[in-house]
Amino acid sequence: MLTLAVKAWIGNAAAVVSGAWGGVTQRAKQSGYSRTSIYSHAHRVVRAVLNEQTSGVSYETLLADSERLRSENEALWQAWSEAEELSEAKQREFASAGSAMGLSLMQIVTLLAIVVPRLAVPSRSKVGRWVQQASKQAGHILHVLDRACQQWVLTLGLDEIFFHHEPILMAVEPASMAWVAAQRGPDRTGESWEKVVAEWPRLEYVIADGGKGIERGVKLADAARPSQAQEPGADVSPSLTMGLDVFHTQREVERVLHRQWKQVERQMEAASEADAKMVQSKRRGRDLRGSAGQAGRAWRKAERLFDAAVQADGAAARITAALAWFRPDGTLRTREEAQTQLREASEQLPGPQWSMVRRLLSDERTLSHLDRMHEQLAAVVSVPLLRASLTRLWYFSNAMRQAQGEDCHRFTHLGAMEQVLCQRLCVQWQSAYVGVDTLLRQAVRASSAVEGVNSVVRMHQGRHRHVSQGMLDLKRLYWNCRVFRDGKRKRHCPYDLLGLKVPISGWWQLLQMNPEELEQKLLTQDVRA
């Protein structure tokens, strides 16, 4: 019917446009349309042709726009309906996310009261039950995800914090900032740390402070790993080494140095007061021998303290330089060179206040990061001269991106010269440089990653009366699925950076999954990979 009507309209338009005398009357008799209808059809046909020729809006475009607007209208009505009603599922998600972000239950209820009708606001106990259920489910989900992450966790930063005198054993993968362990209690002995470390069979390197419990736990976990000699048919785990955290060592140096300079300030103030007393005695005509002697002794002591503080300041600068990865010329430091500098710096730090610093600097684990880096680079690039040249090229390229002005031009020139040397040493130097770049970008010598997560957890602790293991699990799942907004990890979440591809986008959708279904999907991904 529509095709016949269109043909009839076109015929009517042809009769009008032709301009023949009596054509419209003859067409009216043939088609059965009135003369008015024929003129109306002709007008519409001519307008449609003109619109098509002048690139006007086509019927198909109008139809597509109509469908799009209809779908947008339905979506807006749906959003308005959810915003108006805020279903219980959305309230549960709101409460769980708020708790994971560190809000207390009363804060969550207060915020819900803003968007939910007064009579529909859930009670504090009901919100608590929602959060408790989500926390329990988070523990089951994390059990599956932790097993899936075992193949990527090669380095860990370990530390312990306290909630109401009960320790929390923390573990963070530094490169991805993945929070892989948050074990509440029961203590911080070596046996407890062994259980945490044993969960990661491919772990090779641990960064931690000088805590005895962590050290013993790492040794016990390493001794319990199967070796080729003990079990010929079993999977052999790599040997586990431990590095002493540079972050805590430098912080201890800064703490003692700050205390020493404060002592200098107090002594100089005391010497100035002794001078003031001497001047006052002179004005009153009193004997100056006692006050002058006291002022002289005070200033001599201030000078000794000042000289000692200046010497300690120089030693602290040498310690910072010795613990750095590179020398000023871009060469990677060696253990022998760094150890010599640390020993010389320690000799300039006398007194009992520096005993802990001297003990940390003399510990073999303080420079284990250099040993590990040299071993890894040797495994990637076997030629020593090429390895050193590629390392310097990486250093100059990284320094060039951070420098400004003349320094930028200088590093650019040095990098270009080093690149020419790499080309002459090896034709395929670019592939070797990729491996060197990967190692140096992921190099770790401090537990700053775990300290950063600790600060977040401590902030959350201030809003909760009690932080249970379930709540820690909920926070950990939320953290690992949270996308970073800025920095070098921008637009990625810790699981993505670690290498785990979560089958569902969004931590709340992940929390709703059945653990067995999640495990099956992760196994399917491994098989496809």
Protein backbone atom coordinates (compact mmCIF):
# COMPACT_ATOMS: atom_id res chain seq x y z
CA MET A 1 0.00 0.00 0.00
CA LEU A 2 2.81 2.42 0.83
CA THR A 3 4.61 1.68 -2.47
CA LEU A 4 1.41 2.26 -4.49
CA ALA A 5 0.75 5.51 -2.63
CA VAL A 6 4.26 6.80 -3.34
CA LYS A 7 3.92 5.91 -7.05
CA ALA A 8 0.57 7.69 -7.18
CA TRP A 9 2.10 10.78 -5.54
CA ILE A 10 4.93 10.84 -8.04
CA GLY A 11 2.42 10.54 -10.94
CA ASN A 12 0.34 13.36 -9.52
CA ALA A 13 3.47 15.50 -9.16
CA ALA A 14 4.46 14.75 -12.78
CA ALA A 15 1.05 15.93 -14.00
CA VAL A 16 1.44 19.23 -12.15
CA VAL A 17 5.10 19.83 -13.01
CA SER A 18 4.64 19.01 -16.73
CA GLY A 19 2.46 22.11 -17.13
CA ALA A 20 0.35 20.53 -19.93
CA TRP A 21 -3.10 22.11 -20.37
CA GLY A 22 -5.76 19.86 -18.84
CA GLY A 23 -3.14 17.47 -17.43
CA VAL A 24 -4.26 17.87 -13.82
CA THR A 25 -7.93 17.30 -14.72
CA GLN A 26 -7.08 14.20 -16.74
CA ARG A 27 -4.85 12.88 -13.90
CA ALA A 28 -7.69 13.43 -11.39
CA LYS A 29 -10.02 11.30 -13.49
CA GLN A 30 -7.42 8.52 -13.86
CA SER A 31 -6.23 8.35 -10.23
CA GLY A 32 -9.42 9.16 -8.39
CA TYR A 33 -7.75 11.97 -6.41
CA SER A 34 -9.19 15.44 -6.28
CA ARG A 35 -7.38 18.35 -7.91
CA THR A 36 -6.54 19.75 -4.43
CA SER A 37 -4.95 16.46 -3.37
CA ILE A 38 -2.93 16.27 -6.59
CA TYR A 39 -1.49 19.78 -6.01
CA SER A 40 -0.73 18.85 -2.37
CA HIS A 41 1.07 15.66 -3.42
CA ALA A 42 3.08 17.58 -6.01
CA HIS A 43 4.16 20.14 -3.40
CA ARG A 44 5.38 17.42 -1.02
CA VAL A 45 7.24 15.49 -3.72
CA VAL A 46 9.01 18.63 -4.96
CA ARG A 47 10.02 19.59 -1.39
CA ALA A 48 11.37 16.09 -0.69
CA VAL A 49 13.45 16.15 -3.88
CA LEU A 50 14.82 19.59 -3.08
CA ASN A 51 15.76 18.53 0.46
CA GLU A 52 17.57 15.49 -0.86
CA GLN A 53 19.47 17.51 -3.48
CA THR A 54 20.50 20.22 -0.99
CA SER A 55 21.91 17.63 1.51
CA GLY A 56 19.03 18.11 3.90
CA VAL A 57 18.12 15.73 6.72
CA SER A 58 17.02 12.40 5.32
CA TYR A 59 14.20 10.28 6.57
CA GLU A 60 16.63 7.61 7.77
CA THR A 61 18.58 10.19 9.78
CA LEU A 62 15.42 11.50 11.38
CA LEU A 63 14.34 7.96 12.22
CA ALA A 64 17.73 7.18 13.80
CA ASP A 65 17.64 10.41 15.82
CA SER A 66 14.14 9.57 16.97
CA GLU A 67 15.23 6.12 18.17
CA ARG A 68 18.28 7.57 19.94
CA LEU A 69 16.22 10.22 21.70
CA ARG A 70 13.66 7.61 22.71
CA SER A 71 16.36 5.40 24.28
CA GLU A 72 17.93 8.39 26.04
CA ASN A 73 14.54 9.35 27.37
CA GLU A 74 14.01 5.86 28.76
CA ALA A 75 17.47 5.89 30.34
CA LEU A 76 16.80 9.24 31.96
CA TRP A 77 13.49 8.03 33.32
CA GLN A 78 15.23 4.95 34.71
CA ALA A 79 17.95 7.05 36.32
CA TRP A 80 15.38 9.40 37.78
CA SER A 81 13.41 6.45 39.14
CA GLU A 82 16.51 4.99 40.82
CA ALA A 83 17.55 8.36 42.19
CA GLU A 84 14.11 8.91 43.57
CA GLU A 85 13.71 5.51 45.12
CA LEU A 86 17.40 4.47 45.67
CA SER A 87 16.70 0.78 45.86
CA GLU A 88 18.09 -1.40 48.61
CA ALA A 89 20.72 -2.80 46.23
CA LYS A 90 22.04 0.71 45.61
CA GLN A 91 21.98 1.46 49.33
CA ARG A 92 23.99 -1.70 49.98
CA GLU A 93 26.56 -0.65 47.39
CA PHE A 94 26.70 2.83 48.88
CA ALA A 95 27.23 1.46 52.40
CA SER A 96 29.89 -1.04 51.35
CA ALA A 97 31.81 1.51 49.28
CA GLY A 98 31.62 4.05 52.09
CA SER A 99 32.96 1.55 54.61
CA ALA A 100 35.76 0.53 52.24
CA MET A 101 36.67 4.21 51.83
CA GLY A 102 36.91 4.61 55.59
CA LEU A 103 33.53 6.04 56.59
CA SER A 104 31.98 4.99 59.86
CA LEU A 105 28.49 3.52 60.03
CA MET A 106 26.97 6.73 61.38
CA GLN A 107 28.60 8.75 58.61
CA ILE A 108 27.11 6.36 56.05
CA VAL A 109 23.63 6.70 57.61
CA THR A 110 23.97 10.50 57.65
CA LEU A 111 24.84 10.59 53.95
CA LEU A 112 22.02 8.20 53.05
CA ALA A 113 19.57 10.48 54.83
CA ILE A 114 20.36 13.19 52.27
CA VAL A 115 19.23 11.16 49.25
CA VAL A 116 16.70 8.76 50.78
CA PRO A 117 13.27 9.78 52.07
CA ARG A 118 13.23 10.22 55.84
CA LEU A 119 11.06 7.21 56.57
CA ALA A 120 13.16 4.97 54.29
CA VAL A 121 16.58 5.73 55.82
CA PRO A 122 18.12 2.45 57.07
CA SER A 123 19.15 2.18 60.67
CA ARG A 124 22.76 1.97 61.81
CA SER A 125 22.38 -1.70 62.71
CA LYS A 126 20.96 -2.50 59.27
CA VAL A 127 23.84 -0.72 57.54
CA GLY A 128 26.19 -2.64 59.81
CA ARG A 129 24.67 -5.95 58.68
CA TRP A 130 25.06 -4.91 55.03
CA VAL A 131 28.71 -4.06 55.55
CA GLN A 132 29.31 -7.27 57.48
CA GLN A 133 27.83 -9.36 54.66
CA ALA A 134 29.93 -7.52 52.08
CA SER A 135 33.06 -8.00 54.22
CA LYS A 136 32.45 -11.73 54.48
CA GLN A 137 31.93 -12.01 50.73
CA ALA A 138 35.10 -9.97 50.12
CA GLY A 139 37.10 -12.57 52.05
CA HIS A 140 35.87 -15.35 49.76
CA ILE A 141 36.57 -13.30 46.61
CA LEU A 142 40.06 -12.35 47.79
CA HIS A 143 40.87 -16.00 48.46
CA VAL A 144 40.33 -16.69 44.76
CA LEU A 145 42.07 -13.54 43.53
CA ASP A 146 45.13 -14.08 45.74
CA ARG A 147 45.66 -17.51 44.26
CA ALA A 148 45.38 -16.06 40.77
CA CYS A 149 47.96 -13.37 41.61
CA GLN A 150 50.61 -15.77 42.87
CA GLN A 151 52.38 -16.01 39.53
CA TRP A 152 52.98 -12.24 39.34
CA VAL A 153 54.04 -11.45 42.90
CA LEU A 154 57.84 -11.58 42.83
CA THR A 155 58.64 -8.69 45.19
CA LEU A 156 56.86 -7.60 48.37
CA GLY A 157 57.15 -4.79 50.86
CA LEU A 158 56.34 -6.02 54.37
CA ASP A 159 55.46 -4.00 57.44
CA GLU A 160 53.29 -4.16 60.53
CA ILE A 161 50.92 -1.61 62.04
CA PHE A 162 48.86 -1.76 65.21
CA PHE A 163 45.13 -1.42 65.88
CA HIS A 164 44.56 -1.08 69.62
CA HIS A 165 47.83 -2.92 70.38
CA GLU A 166 46.99 -5.77 67.97
CA PRO A 167 49.33 -6.10 64.97
CA ILE A 168 48.22 -6.07 61.34
CA LEU A 169 50.67 -7.85 59.03
CA MET A 170 50.78 -5.83 55.78
CA ALA A 171 52.19 -6.81 52.37
CA VAL A 172 52.18 -4.66 49.19
CA GLU A 173 53.61 -5.35 45.73
CA PRO A 174 55.65 -2.17 45.03
CA ALA A 175 55.40 -1.81 41.23
CA SER A 176 51.61 -2.16 41.02
CA MET A 177 50.70 -1.00 44.57
CA ALA A 178 48.61 -4.19 44.86
CA TRP A 179 47.68 -4.77 48.51
CA VAL A 180 48.11 -8.53 48.75
CA ALA A 181 47.95 -9.19 52.49
CA ALA A 182 46.34 -7.61 55.56
CA GLN A 183 46.39 -10.24 58.29
CA ARG A 184 45.02 -9.21 61.67
CA GLY A 185 47.06 -10.82 64.43
CA PRO A 186 47.39 -12.86 66.41
CA ASP A 187 50.98 -11.61 66.84
CA ARG A 188 54.01 -10.52 64.81
CA THR A 189 56.30 -13.44 65.49
CA GLY A 190 58.29 -15.23 62.83
CA GLU A 191 55.75 -18.06 62.67
CA SER A 192 52.91 -15.63 61.89
CA TRP A 193 54.97 -13.90 59.20
CA GLU A 194 55.90 -17.27 57.74
CA LYS A 195 52.22 -17.98 57.00
CA VAL A 196 51.89 -14.65 55.18
CA VAL A 197 55.05 -15.11 53.10
CA ALA A 198 54.27 -18.76 52.31
CA GLU A 199 51.15 -17.69 50.38
CA TRP A 200 53.39 -16.47 47.54
CA PRO A 201 55.43 -19.39 46.18
CA ARG A 202 57.11 -17.35 43.42
CA LEU A 203 58.23 -14.57 45.76
CA GLU A 204 61.93 -13.77 45.27
CA TYR A 205 62.65 -10.55 47.12
CA VAL A 206 61.32 -8.95 50.31
CA ILE A 207 61.84 -5.35 51.42
CA ALA A 208 61.23 -4.64 55.12
CA ASP A 209 62.61 -2.83 58.12
CA GLY A 210 64.90 -4.44 60.66
CA GLY A 211 62.10 -6.18 62.58
CA LYS A 212 63.14 -9.53 64.03
CA GLY A 213 59.75 -11.12 63.41
CA ILE A 214 59.78 -10.35 59.69
CA GLU A 215 63.38 -11.50 59.35
CA ARG A 216 62.65 -14.80 61.07
CA GLY A 217 59.44 -15.30 59.07
CA VAL A 218 61.29 -14.85 55.77
CA LYS A 219 63.97 -17.33 56.84
CA LEU A 220 61.38 -19.91 57.90
CA ALA A 221 59.43 -19.52 54.64
CA ASP A 222 62.61 -19.86 52.60
CA ALA A 223 63.66 -22.98 54.50
CA ALA A 224 60.24 -24.56 54.00
CA ARG A 225 60.31 -24.17 50.21
CA PRO A 226 60.92 -27.37 48.24
CA SER A 227 64.30 -27.69 46.54
CA GLN A 228 65.41 -29.87 43.67
CA ALA A 229 67.51 -32.02 45.98
CA GLN A 230 64.67 -32.62 48.46
CA GLU A 231 61.83 -33.26 45.98
CA PRO A 232 63.04 -33.98 42.44
CA GLY A 233 59.54 -34.07 40.96
CA ALA A 234 58.16 -30.96 42.68
CA ASP A 235 58.08 -27.39 41.39
CA VAL A 236 61.21 -25.64 42.64
CA SER A 237 60.56 -22.23 44.16
CA PRO A 238 63.22 -19.52 43.81
CA SER A 239 65.42 -18.69 46.75
CA LEU A 240 64.00 -15.93 48.92
CA THR A 241 66.23 -12.96 49.79
CA MET A 242 65.53 -10.00 52.03
CA GLY A 243 66.61 -6.39 51.69
CA LEU A 244 66.78 -3.86 54.48
CA ASP A 245 64.45 -0.96 53.80
CA VAL A 246 66.32 2.20 52.81
CA PHE A 247 63.29 4.30 53.76
CA HIS A 248 63.55 3.49 57.48
CA THR A 249 67.34 3.92 57.46
CA GLN A 250 67.14 7.40 55.98
CA ARG A 251 64.28 8.33 58.28
CA GLU A 252 66.37 7.28 61.29
CA VAL A 253 69.26 9.41 60.01
CA GLU A 254 66.96 12.42 59.63
CA ARG A 255 65.45 11.87 63.08
CA VAL A 256 68.81 11.81 64.88
CA LEU A 257 70.15 14.69 62.79
CA HIS A 258 67.07 16.79 63.57
CA ARG A 259 67.51 16.06 67.30
CA GLN A 260 71.19 17.02 67.09
CA TRP A 261 70.43 20.38 65.43
CA LYS A 262 67.73 21.08 68.04
CA GLN A 263 70.36 20.46 70.71
CA VAL A 264 72.62 22.99 68.97
CA GLU A 265 69.80 25.55 68.98
CA ARG A 266 69.13 25.04 72.68
CA GLN A 267 72.81 25.36 73.54
CA MET A 268 73.18 28.54 71.49
CA GLU A 269 70.16 29.98 73.26
CA ALA A 270 71.73 29.06 76.60
CA ALA A 271 74.99 30.72 75.53
CA SER A 272 73.12 33.85 74.48
CA GLU A 273 71.40 33.95 77.88
CA ALA A 274 74.81 33.60 79.56
CA ASP A 275 76.04 36.60 77.52
CA ALA A 276 72.99 38.59 78.55
CA LYS A 277 73.66 37.83 82.22
CA MET A 278 77.28 38.92 81.80
CA VAL A 279 76.19 42.23 80.24
CA GLN A 280 73.69 42.75 83.03
CA SER A 281 76.38 42.08 85.67
CA LYS A 282 78.71 44.56 83.94
CA ARG A 283 76.05 47.27 84.01
CA ARG A 284 75.51 46.71 87.74
CA GLY A 285 79.24 46.80 88.42
CA ARG A 286 79.52 43.23 89.64
CA ASP A 287 82.46 40.85 89.32
CA LEU A 288 82.44 39.40 85.77
CA ARG A 289 84.72 36.45 86.33
CA GLY A 290 81.95 33.97 87.16
CA SER A 291 79.50 35.06 84.46
CA ALA A 292 82.26 35.42 81.85
CA GLY A 293 83.53 31.94 82.56
CA GLN A 294 80.02 30.53 82.35
CA ALA A 295 79.39 32.28 79.02
CA GLY A 296 82.72 31.08 77.62
CA ARG A 297 82.01 27.48 78.56
CA ALA A 298 78.51 27.71 77.05
CA TRP A 299 79.83 29.06 73.74
CA ARG A 300 82.61 26.48 73.54
CA LYS A 301 80.04 23.73 74.08
CA ALA A 302 77.79 25.28 71.41
CA GLU A 303 80.72 25.33 68.99
CA ARG A 304 81.47 21.67 69.65
CA LEU A 305 77.86 20.72 69.13
CA PHE A 306 77.67 22.83 65.99
CA ASP A 307 80.78 21.24 64.53
CA ALA A 308 79.44 17.79 65.35
CA ALA A 309 76.11 18.61 63.69
CA VAL A 310 77.83 19.95 60.56
CA GLN A 311 79.94 16.79 60.42
CA ALA A 312 76.83 14.64 60.84
CA ASP A 313 75.08 16.64 58.13
CA GLY A 314 77.90 15.89 55.72
CA ALA A 315 77.86 12.22 56.70
CA ALA A 316 74.09 12.09 56.11
CA ALA A 317 74.59 13.48 52.60
CA ARG A 318 77.22 10.79 51.93
CA ILE A 319 74.84 8.11 53.21
CA THR A 320 72.08 9.34 50.88
CA ALA A 321 74.48 9.29 47.93
CA ALA A 322 75.79 5.81 48.81
CA LEU A 323 72.27 4.36 49.03
CA ALA A 324 71.31 5.79 45.62
CA TRP A 325 71.22 3.58 42.53
CA PHE A 326 73.56 5.59 40.32
CA ARG A 327 76.72 7.63 40.53
CA PRO A 328 76.63 11.19 39.09
CA ASP A 329 78.13 9.89 35.82
CA GLY A 330 75.19 7.51 35.32
CA THR A 331 77.02 4.32 36.30
CA LEU A 332 75.20 1.85 38.51
CA ARG A 333 76.84 1.65 41.93
CA THR A 334 78.50 -1.52 43.15
CA ARG A 335 78.29 -3.00 46.62
CA GLU A 336 82.02 -2.49 47.26
CA GLU A 337 81.88 1.21 46.41
CA ALA A 338 78.69 1.85 48.40
CA GLN A 339 79.92 -0.15 51.38
CA THR A 340 83.15 1.86 51.50
CA GLN A 341 81.21 5.13 51.50
CA LEU A 342 78.85 3.91 54.22
CA ARG A 343 81.74 2.78 56.39
CA GLU A 344 83.46 6.16 56.04
CA ALA A 345 80.22 7.97 56.81
CA SER A 346 79.62 5.81 59.89
CA GLU A 347 83.02 6.79 61.25
CA GLN A 348 81.85 10.42 61.22
CA LEU A 349 78.82 9.57 63.38
CA PRO A 350 80.16 8.98 66.91
CA GLY A 351 78.05 8.78 70.01
CA PRO A 352 75.31 6.51 71.31
CA GLN A 353 72.57 8.43 69.50
CA TRP A 354 73.92 7.12 66.18
CA SER A 355 74.21 3.47 67.29
CA MET A 356 71.08 2.32 65.44
CA VAL A 357 72.14 4.11 62.26
CA ARG A 358 75.59 2.52 62.41
CA ARG A 359 74.03 -0.90 62.95
CA LEU A 360 71.69 -0.47 59.97
CA LEU A 361 74.47 0.76 57.69
CA SER A 362 76.73 -2.17 58.60
CA ASP A 363 73.97 -4.71 57.92
CA GLU A 364 74.61 -6.75 54.76
CA ARG A 365 70.96 -6.48 53.74
CA THR A 366 71.18 -2.68 53.39
CA LEU A 367 72.84 -3.00 49.96
CA SER A 368 71.07 -6.15 48.81
CA HIS A 369 69.13 -4.09 46.26
CA LEU A 370 72.39 -3.41 44.39
CA ASP A 371 73.33 -7.10 44.38
CA ARG A 372 69.91 -8.05 43.04
CA MET A 373 69.96 -5.38 40.33
CA HIS A 374 73.43 -6.37 39.09
CA GLU A 375 72.36 -10.03 38.94
CA GLN A 376 69.18 -9.22 37.01
CA LEU A 377 70.98 -6.96 34.54
CA ALA A 378 73.66 -9.60 33.94
CA ALA A 379 70.93 -12.11 33.14
CA VAL A 380 69.41 -9.74 30.55
CA VAL A 381 72.65 -8.43 28.99
CA SER A 382 75.63 -10.72 29.28
CA VAL A 383 78.25 -8.35 27.77
CA PRO A 384 79.55 -6.09 30.59
CA LEU A 385 80.48 -3.13 28.37
CA LEU A 386 77.10 -3.11 26.62
CA ARG A 387 75.30 -3.56 29.93
CA ALA A 388 77.06 -0.54 31.45
CA SER A 389 76.37 1.57 28.34
CA LEU A 390 72.67 0.68 28.29
CA THR A 391 72.40 1.48 31.98
CA ARG A 392 73.97 4.92 31.47
CA LEU A 393 71.67 5.54 28.51
CA TRP A 394 68.65 4.79 30.70
CA TYR A 395 69.95 7.11 33.41
CA PHE A 396 70.53 10.00 30.99
CA SER A 397 67.13 9.51 29.33
CA ASN A 398 65.35 9.53 32.67
CA ALA A 399 67.32 12.54 33.90
CA MET A 400 66.60 14.41 30.66
CA ARG A 401 62.82 14.09 31.21
CA GLN A 402 63.13 15.56 34.69
CA ALA A 403 65.74 18.27 34.03
CA GLN A 404 65.18 21.81 32.80
CA GLY A 405 67.23 24.43 31.00
CA GLU A 406 70.94 23.76 30.55
CA ASP A 407 70.75 20.45 32.44
CA CYS A 408 68.22 19.16 29.93
CA HIS A 409 70.54 20.00 27.02
CA ARG A 410 73.49 18.41 28.79
CA PHE A 411 71.67 15.15 29.48
CA THR A 412 70.35 15.11 25.92
CA HIS A 413 73.89 15.41 24.58
CA LEU A 414 75.19 12.70 26.91
CA GLY A 415 72.30 10.41 26.00
CA ALA A 416 72.96 10.85 22.28
CA MET A 417 76.64 9.98 22.74
CA GLU A 418 75.74 6.91 24.79
CA GLN A 419 73.24 5.79 22.15
CA VAL A 420 75.95 5.95 19.47
CA LEU A 421 78.14 3.79 21.69
CA CYS A 422 75.33 1.24 22.13
CA GLN A 423 74.84 1.06 18.37
CA ARG A 424 78.51 0.35 17.83
CA LEU A 425 78.60 -2.30 20.54
CA CYS A 426 75.53 -4.22 19.34
CA VAL A 427 73.29 -3.94 16.29
CA GLN A 428 70.26 -5.28 18.20
CA TRP A 429 70.80 -2.99 21.18
CA GLN A 430 67.14 -1.80 21.24
CA SER A 431 65.82 -5.21 22.34
CA ALA A 432 68.39 -5.35 25.12
CA TYR A 433 67.49 -1.81 26.18
CA VAL A 434 63.85 -2.84 26.61
CA GLY A 435 64.88 -5.44 29.18
CA VAL A 436 67.14 -2.97 30.99
CA ASP A 437 64.38 -0.37 31.02
CA THR A 438 61.89 -2.85 32.49
CA LEU A 439 64.27 -3.84 35.30
CA LEU A 440 65.28 -0.30 36.23
CA ARG A 441 61.72 1.03 36.19
CA GLN A 442 60.65 -1.70 38.62
CA ALA A 443 63.74 -1.43 40.84
CA VAL A 444 62.90 -1.37 44.55
CA ARG A 445 65.08 -0.33 47.48
CA ALA A 446 62.51 1.07 49.91
CA SER A 447 59.15 0.03 51.35
CA SER A 448 57.50 3.35 50.54
CA ALA A 449 54.65 1.48 48.82
CA VAL A 450 53.59 -0.37 51.95
CA GLU A 451 54.08 2.80 54.02
CA GLY A 452 51.67 4.60 51.69
CA VAL A 453 49.00 1.93 52.16
CA ASN A 454 49.66 2.00 55.91
CA SER A 455 48.87 5.71 55.99
CA VAL A 456 45.54 5.08 54.26
CA VAL A 457 44.64 2.32 56.72
CA ARG A 458 45.60 4.48 59.72
CA MET A 459 43.33 7.24 58.40
CA HIS A 460 40.47 4.73 58.17
CA GLN A 461 41.24 3.45 61.65
CA GLY A 462 40.53 6.88 63.11
CA ARG A 463 36.87 6.59 62.03
CA HIS A 464 36.22 3.05 63.29
CA ARG A 465 36.00 1.74 66.80
CA HIS A 466 36.99 -1.72 65.66
CA VAL A 467 38.65 -2.90 62.44
CA SER A 468 37.88 -6.58 61.93
CA GLN A 469 39.51 -8.97 59.49
CA GLY A 470 36.41 -8.78 57.28
CA MET A 471 36.62 -5.01 57.13
CA LEU A 472 40.29 -5.25 56.18
CA ASP A 473 39.32 -7.66 53.39
CA LEU A 474 36.66 -5.25 52.15
CA LYS A 475 39.12 -2.36 52.13
CA ARG A 476 41.75 -4.45 50.38
CA LEU A 477 39.38 -5.56 47.61
CA TYR A 478 38.23 -1.97 47.06
CA TRP A 479 41.83 -0.71 46.96
CA ASN A 480 42.98 -3.29 44.42
CA CYS A 481 40.05 -2.50 42.08
CA ARG A 482 40.31 1.27 42.49
CA VAL A 483 41.59 3.18 39.43
CA PHE A 484 44.38 5.67 40.12
CA ARG A 485 43.50 9.21 39.07
CA ASP A 486 47.00 10.61 38.58
CA GLY A 487 50.67 9.71 38.67
CA LYS A 488 52.49 7.11 36.64
CA ARG A 489 49.73 4.56 37.36
CA LYS A 490 46.96 6.82 36.06
CA ARG A 491 43.85 5.12 34.60
CA HIS A 492 44.90 1.72 35.93
CA CYS A 493 44.00 -0.24 39.03
CA PRO A 494 46.50 -2.33 41.05
CA TYR A 495 45.17 -5.63 39.67
CA ASP A 496 45.67 -4.39 36.09
CA LEU A 497 49.21 -3.22 36.84
CA LEU A 498 50.02 -6.53 38.49
CA GLY A 499 48.83 -8.48 35.45
CA LEU A 500 45.49 -9.86 36.65
CA LYS A 501 42.62 -9.23 34.24
CA VAL A 502 39.47 -9.14 36.33
CA PRO A 503 36.55 -10.52 34.27
CA ILE A 504 34.14 -7.84 35.53
CA SER A 505 34.65 -4.09 35.60
CA GLY A 506 33.79 -2.56 38.93
CA TRP A 507 34.55 -3.81 42.40
CA TRP A 508 30.88 -4.06 43.43
CA GLN A 509 30.02 -6.31 40.47
CA LEU A 510 33.07 -8.40 41.35
CA LEU A 511 31.86 -8.66 44.93
CA GLN A 512 28.50 -10.07 43.75
CA MET A 513 30.11 -12.95 41.87
CA ASN A 514 30.12 -16.50 43.09
CA PRO A 515 33.71 -17.43 44.11
CA GLU A 516 33.54 -20.71 42.16
CA GLU A 517 32.34 -18.91 39.03
CA LEU A 518 35.10 -16.31 39.41
CA GLU A 519 37.73 -18.99 39.77
CA GLN A 520 36.46 -20.76 36.66
CA LYS A 521 36.63 -17.54 34.62
CA LEU A 522 40.16 -16.82 35.79
CA LEU A 523 41.24 -20.35 34.90
CA THR A 524 39.68 -19.92 31.45
CA GLN A 525 41.73 -16.75 30.97
CA ASP A 526 44.92 -18.60 31.91
CA VAL A 527 44.20 -21.36 29.41
CA ARG A 528 43.56 -18.85 26.60
CA ALA A 529 46.74 -16.96 27.49
